[in-house]
Amino acid sequence: MDKEEKVIVTEEPAAAAAPPPEAAARRGRRTSSGRETTNRRPADERPREQSDWEEKIIQVRRVTKVVKGGKKLSFRAVVAVGNGKGQVGVGVGKAAEVIGAIQKGVSDAKKSLITVPMVGTTVPHPVIGRQGSSRIMIKPAIKGTGIIAGGAVRSVLELAGIGDVLAKCLGSRSPLNVARGTIDGLKQMRTFEESARLRGISIRQMLS
């Protein structure tokens, strides 16, 4: 007599309901190592507000200092900062890395900003700026001339927002001295109204 086989039917537990896609995206993905990764952006990659300030690196030099036990290597960066609306500054930064030197230079330049008076897109009058053995001659130009200058002088004038000007570097051509000489010349700029007010006379008396 054959034995009756008993068939036991076991009900499998219902599969866990899949989480909604929003929850899955919120939790992130699980990697092969078992760690769960999130889709959050790091703080550095979040969109930042655009600043009006522009930066230009004039020079980056490697500086070696002899100390006890050997030589210490560092970098010096000369940076110009301006907003193109009449404000400009030049700064110097020193650090063991190039990026750190540039950041210090930008911070130093923002501490020494000057306001440049302009007549339209050019400067009010000719001037000669001096720094060390460098002399920078700056002259106004008619509209459409552009910036006739080179090197550090051009960088500073562009960041100041001057569109038409003639400039010539006389004497030493060291980028740091040239940049600071340009700033010295722009500091001397005066409009007719400022000159008349300083003298205590009217513009008509000054021009007559």
C-alpha atoms as a PDB file:
ATOM      1  CA  MET A   1       0.000   0.000   0.000  1.00  0.00           C
ATOM      2  CA  ASP A   2       1.454   3.264  -1.134  1.00  0.00           C
ATOM      3  CA  LYS A   3       2.030   5.868   1.403  1.00  0.00           C
ATOM      4  CA  GLU A   4       0.188   9.061   0.869  1.00  0.00           C
ATOM      5  CA  GLU A   5       2.491  11.973   0.376  1.00  0.00           C
ATOM      6  CA  LYS A   6       1.600  14.975   2.315  1.00  0.00           C
ATOM      7  CA  VAL A   7       2.036  18.241   0.485  1.00  0.00           C
ATOM      8  CA  ILE A   8       2.762  21.103   2.772  1.00  0.00           C
ATOM      9  CA  VAL A   9       2.173  24.493   1.233  1.00  0.00           C
ATOM     10  CA  THR A  10       4.012  27.265   2.935  1.00  0.00           C
ATOM     11  CA  GLU A  11       3.057  30.812   2.195  1.00  0.00           C
ATOM     12  CA  GLU A  12       6.022  33.025   1.464  1.00  0.00           C
ATOM     13  CA  PRO A  13       5.973  36.306   3.358  1.00  0.00           C
ATOM     14  CA  ALA A  14       4.833  39.158   1.256  1.00  0.00           C
ATOM     15  CA  ALA A  15       7.705  41.102  -0.222  1.00  0.00           C
ATOM     16  CA  ALA A  16       8.358  44.313   1.545  1.00  0.00           C
ATOM     17  CA  ALA A  17       6.801  47.212  -0.250  1.00  0.00           C
ATOM     18  CA  ALA A  18       9.353  49.099  -2.298  1.00  0.00           C
ATOM     19  CA  PRO A  19      10.070  52.548  -0.888  1.00  0.00           C
ATOM     20  CA  PRO A  20       8.907  55.484  -2.942  1.00  0.00           C
ATOM     21  CA  PRO A  21      11.522  56.907  -5.327  1.00  0.00           C
ATOM     22  CA  GLU A  22      11.785  60.087  -3.260  1.00  0.00           C
ATOM     23  CA  ALA A  23      12.795  58.105  -0.180  1.00  0.00           C
ATOM     24  CA  ALA A  24      15.297  56.073  -2.186  1.00  0.00           C
ATOM     25  CA  ALA A  25      16.877  59.208  -3.566  1.00  0.00           C
ATOM     26  CA  ARG A  26      16.911  60.689  -0.096  1.00  0.00           C
ATOM     27  CA  ARG A  27      18.642  57.663   1.401  1.00  0.00           C
ATOM     28  CA  GLY A  28      21.106  57.300  -1.484  1.00  0.00           C
ATOM     29  CA  ARG A  29      22.752  54.215  -2.893  1.00  0.00           C
ATOM     30  CA  ARG A  30      24.474  51.396  -1.080  1.00  0.00           C
ATOM     31  CA  THR A  31      27.948  50.577  -2.371  1.00  0.00           C
ATOM     32  CA  SER A  32      29.661  47.166  -2.564  1.00  0.00           C
ATOM     33  CA  SER A  33      31.444  47.859   0.723  1.00  0.00           C
ATOM     34  CA  GLY A  34      28.094  48.233   2.466  1.00  0.00           C
ATOM     35  CA  ARG A  35      28.334  51.981   2.974  1.00  0.00           C
ATOM     36  CA  GLU A  36      25.466  54.166   1.970  1.00  0.00           C
ATOM     37  CA  THR A  37      26.203  57.186  -0.164  1.00  0.00           C
ATOM     38  CA  THR A  38      24.023  60.276  -0.189  1.00  0.00           C
ATOM     39  CA  ASN A  39      23.211  62.596  -3.056  1.00  0.00           C
ATOM     40  CA  ARG A  40      23.860  65.751  -1.086  1.00  0.00           C
ATOM     41  CA  ARG A  41      26.188  68.287  -2.614  1.00  0.00           C
ATOM     42  CA  PRO A  42      29.272  69.251  -0.656  1.00  0.00           C
ATOM     43  CA  ALA A  43      29.348  72.774   0.679  1.00  0.00           C
ATOM     44  CA  ASP A  44      32.053  73.773  -1.850  1.00  0.00           C
ATOM     45  CA  GLU A  45      29.974  72.706  -4.876  1.00  0.00           C
ATOM     46  CA  ARG A  46      26.862  74.648  -3.959  1.00  0.00           C
ATOM     47  CA  PRO A  47      26.123  77.563  -6.279  1.00  0.00           C
ATOM     48  CA  ARG A  48      27.677  80.799  -5.102  1.00  0.00           C
ATOM     49  CA  GLU A  49      26.641  84.343  -5.781  1.00  0.00           C
ATOM     50  CA  GLN A  50      28.647  85.994  -8.522  1.00  0.00           C
ATOM     51  CA  SER A  51      30.807  88.835  -7.251  1.00  0.00           C
ATOM     52  CA  ASP A  52      31.463  92.111  -9.076  1.00  0.00           C
ATOM     53  CA  TRP A  53      35.160  91.900  -8.207  1.00  0.00           C
ATOM     54  CA  GLU A  54      37.602  90.582 -10.783  1.00  0.00           C
ATOM     55  CA  GLU A  55      41.099  89.328 -10.078  1.00  0.00           C
ATOM     56  CA  LYS A  56      44.189  89.266 -12.266  1.00  0.00           C
ATOM     57  CA  ILE A  57      47.462  87.613 -11.360  1.00  0.00           C
ATOM     58  CA  ILE A  58      50.290  89.937 -12.356  1.00  0.00           C
ATOM     59  CA  GLN A  59      53.196  87.784 -11.226  1.00  0.00           C
ATOM     60  CA  VAL A  60      53.961  84.581  -9.301  1.00  0.00           C
ATOM     61  CA  ARG A  61      57.552  84.095  -8.185  1.00  0.00           C
ATOM     62  CA  ARG A  62      59.346  81.383  -6.294  1.00  0.00           C
ATOM     63  CA  VAL A  63      61.247  82.802  -3.322  1.00  0.00           C
ATOM     64  CA  THR A  64      64.024  80.942  -1.535  1.00  0.00           C
ATOM     65  CA  LYS A  65      65.065  81.934   1.972  1.00  0.00           C
ATOM     66  CA  VAL A  66      68.243  80.553   3.536  1.00  0.00           C
ATOM     67  CA  VAL A  67      67.565  79.375   7.087  1.00  0.00           C
ATOM     68  CA  LYS A  68      69.411  77.261   9.588  1.00  0.00           C
ATOM     69  CA  GLY A  69      69.552  73.755   8.214  1.00  0.00           C
ATOM     70  CA  GLY A  70      68.847  74.533   4.567  1.00  0.00           C
ATOM     71  CA  LYS A  71      66.629  76.614   2.314  1.00  0.00           C
ATOM     72  CA  LYS A  72      62.966  77.442   2.775  1.00  0.00           C
ATOM     73  CA  LEU A  73      60.913  77.560  -0.438  1.00  0.00           C
ATOM     74  CA  SER A  74      57.841  79.784  -0.746  1.00  0.00           C
ATOM     75  CA  PHE A  75      55.865  81.671  -3.400  1.00  0.00           C
ATOM     76  CA  ARG A  76      55.053  85.355  -3.819  1.00  0.00           C
ATOM     77  CA  ALA A  77      52.011  86.439  -5.828  1.00  0.00           C
ATOM     78  CA  VAL A  78      51.233  89.966  -7.039  1.00  0.00           C
ATOM     79  CA  VAL A  79      47.484  90.302  -7.619  1.00  0.00           C
ATOM     80  CA  ALA A  80      45.277  93.161  -8.843  1.00  0.00           C
ATOM     81  CA  VAL A  81      41.601  93.389  -7.890  1.00  0.00           C
ATOM     82  CA  GLY A  82      38.945  95.703  -9.330  1.00  0.00           C
ATOM     83  CA  ASN A  83      35.231  95.996 -10.037  1.00  0.00           C
ATOM     84  CA  GLY A  84      35.422  97.814 -13.381  1.00  0.00           C
ATOM     85  CA  LYS A  85      33.569 100.794 -11.856  1.00  0.00           C
ATOM     86  CA  GLY A  86      36.491 102.932 -10.699  1.00  0.00           C
ATOM     87  CA  GLN A  87      37.775 100.871  -7.777  1.00  0.00           C
ATOM     88  CA  VAL A  88      41.062  98.991  -7.997  1.00  0.00           C
ATOM     89  CA  GLY A  89      43.815  97.739  -5.704  1.00  0.00           C
ATOM     90  CA  VAL A  90      47.105  95.839  -5.808  1.00  0.00           C
ATOM     91  CA  GLY A  91      48.225  93.334  -3.179  1.00  0.00           C
ATOM     92  CA  VAL A  92      51.063  90.923  -2.436  1.00  0.00           C
ATOM     93  CA  GLY A  93      50.735  87.502  -0.818  1.00  0.00           C
ATOM     94  CA  LYS A  94      53.373  84.998   0.330  1.00  0.00           C
ATOM     95  CA  ALA A  95      52.753  81.358   1.219  1.00  0.00           C
ATOM     96  CA  ALA A  96      54.217  77.882   0.901  1.00  0.00           C
ATOM     97  CA  GLU A  97      51.757  77.098  -1.919  1.00  0.00           C
ATOM     98  CA  VAL A  98      50.736  79.085  -4.983  1.00  0.00           C
ATOM     99  CA  ILE A  99      47.006  78.996  -4.184  1.00  0.00           C
ATOM    100  CA  GLY A 100      47.598  80.285  -0.656  1.00  0.00           C
ATOM    101  CA  ALA A 101      49.800  83.100  -1.951  1.00  0.00           C
ATOM    102  CA  ILE A 102      47.125  84.175  -4.458  1.00  0.00           C
ATOM    103  CA  GLN A 103      44.409  84.163  -1.790  1.00  0.00           C
ATOM    104  CA  LYS A 104      46.547  86.306   0.516  1.00  0.00           C
ATOM    105  CA  GLY A 105      47.299  88.661  -2.376  1.00  0.00           C
ATOM    106  CA  VAL A 106      43.584  89.104  -3.130  1.00  0.00           C
ATOM    107  CA  SER A 107      42.863  89.808   0.533  1.00  0.00           C
ATOM    108  CA  ASP A 108      45.699  92.360   0.681  1.00  0.00           C
ATOM    109  CA  ALA A 109      44.526  94.055  -2.526  1.00  0.00           C
ATOM    110  CA  LYS A 110      40.981  94.502  -1.185  1.00  0.00           C
ATOM    111  CA  LYS A 111      42.408  96.284   1.876  1.00  0.00           C
ATOM    112  CA  SER A 112      44.117  98.932  -0.282  1.00  0.00           C
ATOM    113  CA  LEU A 113      41.385  99.847  -2.770  1.00  0.00           C
ATOM    114  CA  ILE A 114      41.347 103.317  -4.322  1.00  0.00           C
ATOM    115  CA  THR A 115      38.630 105.151  -6.249  1.00  0.00           C
ATOM    116  CA  VAL A 116      39.663 106.484  -9.650  1.00  0.00           C
ATOM    117  CA  PRO A 117      37.873 109.603 -10.964  1.00  0.00           C
ATOM    118  CA  MET A 118      37.023 109.295 -14.657  1.00  0.00           C
ATOM    119  CA  VAL A 119      35.709 111.557 -17.392  1.00  0.00           C
ATOM    120  CA  GLY A 120      33.613 109.273 -19.564  1.00  0.00           C
ATOM    121  CA  THR A 121      35.857 106.316 -20.343  1.00  0.00           C
ATOM    122  CA  THR A 122      39.207 108.049 -19.841  1.00  0.00           C
ATOM    123  CA  VAL A 123      41.216 109.799 -17.129  1.00  0.00           C
ATOM    124  CA  PRO A 124      40.872 113.541 -16.406  1.00  0.00           C
ATOM    125  CA  HIS A 125      44.482 114.668 -17.076  1.00  0.00           C
ATOM    126  CA  PRO A 126      48.041 113.405 -17.692  1.00  0.00           C
ATOM    127  CA  VAL A 127      49.993 112.197 -14.680  1.00  0.00           C
ATOM    128  CA  ILE A 128      53.221 110.360 -13.815  1.00  0.00           C
ATOM    129  CA  GLY A 129      53.118 107.763 -11.048  1.00  0.00           C
ATOM    130  CA  ARG A 130      56.265 106.744  -9.212  1.00  0.00           C
ATOM    131  CA  GLN A 131      57.301 103.699  -7.230  1.00  0.00           C
ATOM    132  CA  GLY A 132      60.961 103.018  -6.560  1.00  0.00           C
ATOM    133  CA  SER A 133      62.849 103.487  -9.825  1.00  0.00           C
ATOM    134  CA  SER A 134      59.710 102.971 -11.935  1.00  0.00           C
ATOM    135  CA  ARG A 135      57.786 105.829 -13.510  1.00  0.00           C
ATOM    136  CA  ILE A 136      54.421 105.315 -15.193  1.00  0.00           C
ATOM    137  CA  MET A 137      53.121 107.988 -17.554  1.00  0.00           C
ATOM    138  CA  ILE A 138      49.328 107.986 -17.986  1.00  0.00           C
ATOM    139  CA  LYS A 139      47.543 110.247 -20.492  1.00  0.00           C
ATOM    140  CA  PRO A 140      43.864 110.635 -21.473  1.00  0.00           C
ATOM    141  CA  ALA A 141      42.736 109.514 -24.918  1.00  0.00           C
ATOM    142  CA  ILE A 142      39.735 110.081 -27.165  1.00  0.00           C
ATOM    143  CA  LYS A 143      36.891 107.568 -27.282  1.00  0.00           C
ATOM    144  CA  GLY A 144      37.695 104.500 -29.335  1.00  0.00           C
ATOM    145  CA  THR A 145      41.420 104.519 -28.648  1.00  0.00           C
ATOM    146  CA  GLY A 146      41.319 101.634 -26.194  1.00  0.00           C
ATOM    147  CA  ILE A 147      43.966 100.846 -23.610  1.00  0.00           C
ATOM    148  CA  ILE A 148      47.399 101.461 -25.115  1.00  0.00           C
ATOM    149  CA  ALA A 149      49.510  99.841 -22.419  1.00  0.00           C
ATOM    150  CA  GLY A 150      51.041  96.505 -21.572  1.00  0.00           C
ATOM    151  CA  GLY A 151      51.967  94.255 -18.708  1.00  0.00           C
ATOM    152  CA  ALA A 152      50.956  95.191 -15.188  1.00  0.00           C
ATOM    153  CA  VAL A 153      49.816  98.691 -16.261  1.00  0.00           C
ATOM    154  CA  ARG A 154      47.196  97.241 -18.594  1.00  0.00           C
ATOM    155  CA  SER A 155      45.889  94.836 -15.942  1.00  0.00           C
ATOM    156  CA  VAL A 156      45.388  97.631 -13.387  1.00  0.00           C
ATOM    157  CA  LEU A 157      43.744 100.018 -15.874  1.00  0.00           C
ATOM    158  CA  GLU A 158      41.356  97.328 -17.157  1.00  0.00           C
ATOM    159  CA  LEU A 159      40.250  96.387 -13.643  1.00  0.00           C
ATOM    160  CA  ALA A 160      39.675 100.069 -12.839  1.00  0.00           C
ATOM    161  CA  GLY A 161      37.193 100.274 -15.723  1.00  0.00           C
ATOM    162  CA  ILE A 162      39.177 102.760 -17.843  1.00  0.00           C
ATOM    163  CA  GLY A 163      38.463 102.129 -21.525  1.00  0.00           C
ATOM    164  CA  ASP A 164      40.532 104.759 -23.393  1.00  0.00           C
ATOM    165  CA  VAL A 165      43.987 105.702 -22.139  1.00  0.00           C
ATOM    166  CA  LEU A 166      47.629 105.964 -23.167  1.00  0.00           C
ATOM    167  CA  ALA A 167      50.309 104.673 -20.791  1.00  0.00           C
ATOM    168  CA  LYS A 168      54.050 104.188 -20.942  1.00  0.00           C
ATOM    169  CA  CYS A 169      56.407 102.525 -18.483  1.00  0.00           C
ATOM    170  CA  LEU A 170      59.610 104.505 -17.856  1.00  0.00           C
ATOM    171  CA  GLY A 171      62.551 103.278 -15.816  1.00  0.00           C
ATOM    172  CA  SER A 172      62.423  99.939 -14.016  1.00  0.00           C
ATOM    173  CA  ARG A 173      59.994  97.338 -15.392  1.00  0.00           C
ATOM    174  CA  SER A 174      59.602  95.256 -12.242  1.00  0.00           C
ATOM    175  CA  PRO A 175      55.953  94.058 -12.263  1.00  0.00           C
ATOM    176  CA  LEU A 176      55.391  94.933  -8.585  1.00  0.00           C
ATOM    177  CA  ASN A 177      56.876  98.431  -8.903  1.00  0.00           C
ATOM    178  CA  VAL A 178      55.019  99.028 -12.173  1.00  0.00           C
ATOM    179  CA  ALA A 179      51.681  97.996 -10.623  1.00  0.00           C
ATOM    180  CA  ARG A 180      52.220 100.156  -7.538  1.00  0.00           C
ATOM    181  CA  GLY A 181      53.417 103.053  -9.701  1.00  0.00           C
ATOM    182  CA  THR A 182      50.193 102.826 -11.708  1.00  0.00           C
ATOM    183  CA  ILE A 183      48.176 102.939  -8.480  1.00  0.00           C
ATOM    184  CA  ASP A 184      50.216 105.989  -7.372  1.00  0.00           C
ATOM    185  CA  GLY A 185      49.410 107.766 -10.643  1.00  0.00           C
ATOM    186  CA  LEU A 186      45.698 106.968 -10.378  1.00  0.00           C
ATOM    187  CA  LYS A 187      45.686 108.325  -6.814  1.00  0.00           C
ATOM    188  CA  GLN A 188      46.815 111.715  -8.138  1.00  0.00           C
ATOM    189  CA  MET A 189      43.870 112.018 -10.514  1.00  0.00           C
ATOM    190  CA  ARG A 190      41.514 114.925  -9.815  1.00  0.00           C
ATOM    191  CA  THR A 191      38.415 116.089 -11.656  1.00  0.00           C
ATOM    192  CA  PHE A 192      37.835 119.791 -12.407  1.00  0.00           C
ATOM    193  CA  GLU A 193      35.227 119.983  -9.664  1.00  0.00           C
ATOM    194  CA  GLU A 194      37.576 118.521  -7.037  1.00  0.00           C
ATOM    195  CA  SER A 195      40.439 120.811  -8.058  1.00  0.00           C
ATOM    196  CA  ALA A 196      38.198 123.901  -7.922  1.00  0.00           C
ATOM    197  CA  ARG A 197      36.828 122.877  -4.518  1.00  0.00           C
ATOM    198  CA  LEU A 198      40.320 122.328  -3.101  1.00  0.00           C
ATOM    199  CA  ARG A 199      41.423 125.772  -4.347  1.00  0.00           C
ATOM    200  CA  GLY A 200      38.262 127.466  -3.133  1.00  0.00           C
ATOM    201  CA  ILE A 201      37.360 128.907  -6.534  1.00  0.00           C
ATOM    202  CA  SER A 202      34.781 128.192  -9.212  1.00  0.00           C
ATOM    203  CA  ILE A 203      35.434 126.114 -12.328  1.00  0.00           C
ATOM    204  CA  ARG A 204      35.051 129.226 -14.527  1.00  0.00           C
ATOM    205  CA  GLN A 205      37.760 131.044 -12.557  1.00  0.00           C
ATOM    206  CA  MET A 206      40.054 128.029 -12.717  1.00  0.00           C
ATOM    207  CA  LEU A 207      39.667 127.644 -16.503  1.00  0.00           C
ATOM    208  CA  SER A 208      39.982 131.364 -17.259  1.00  0.00           C
END
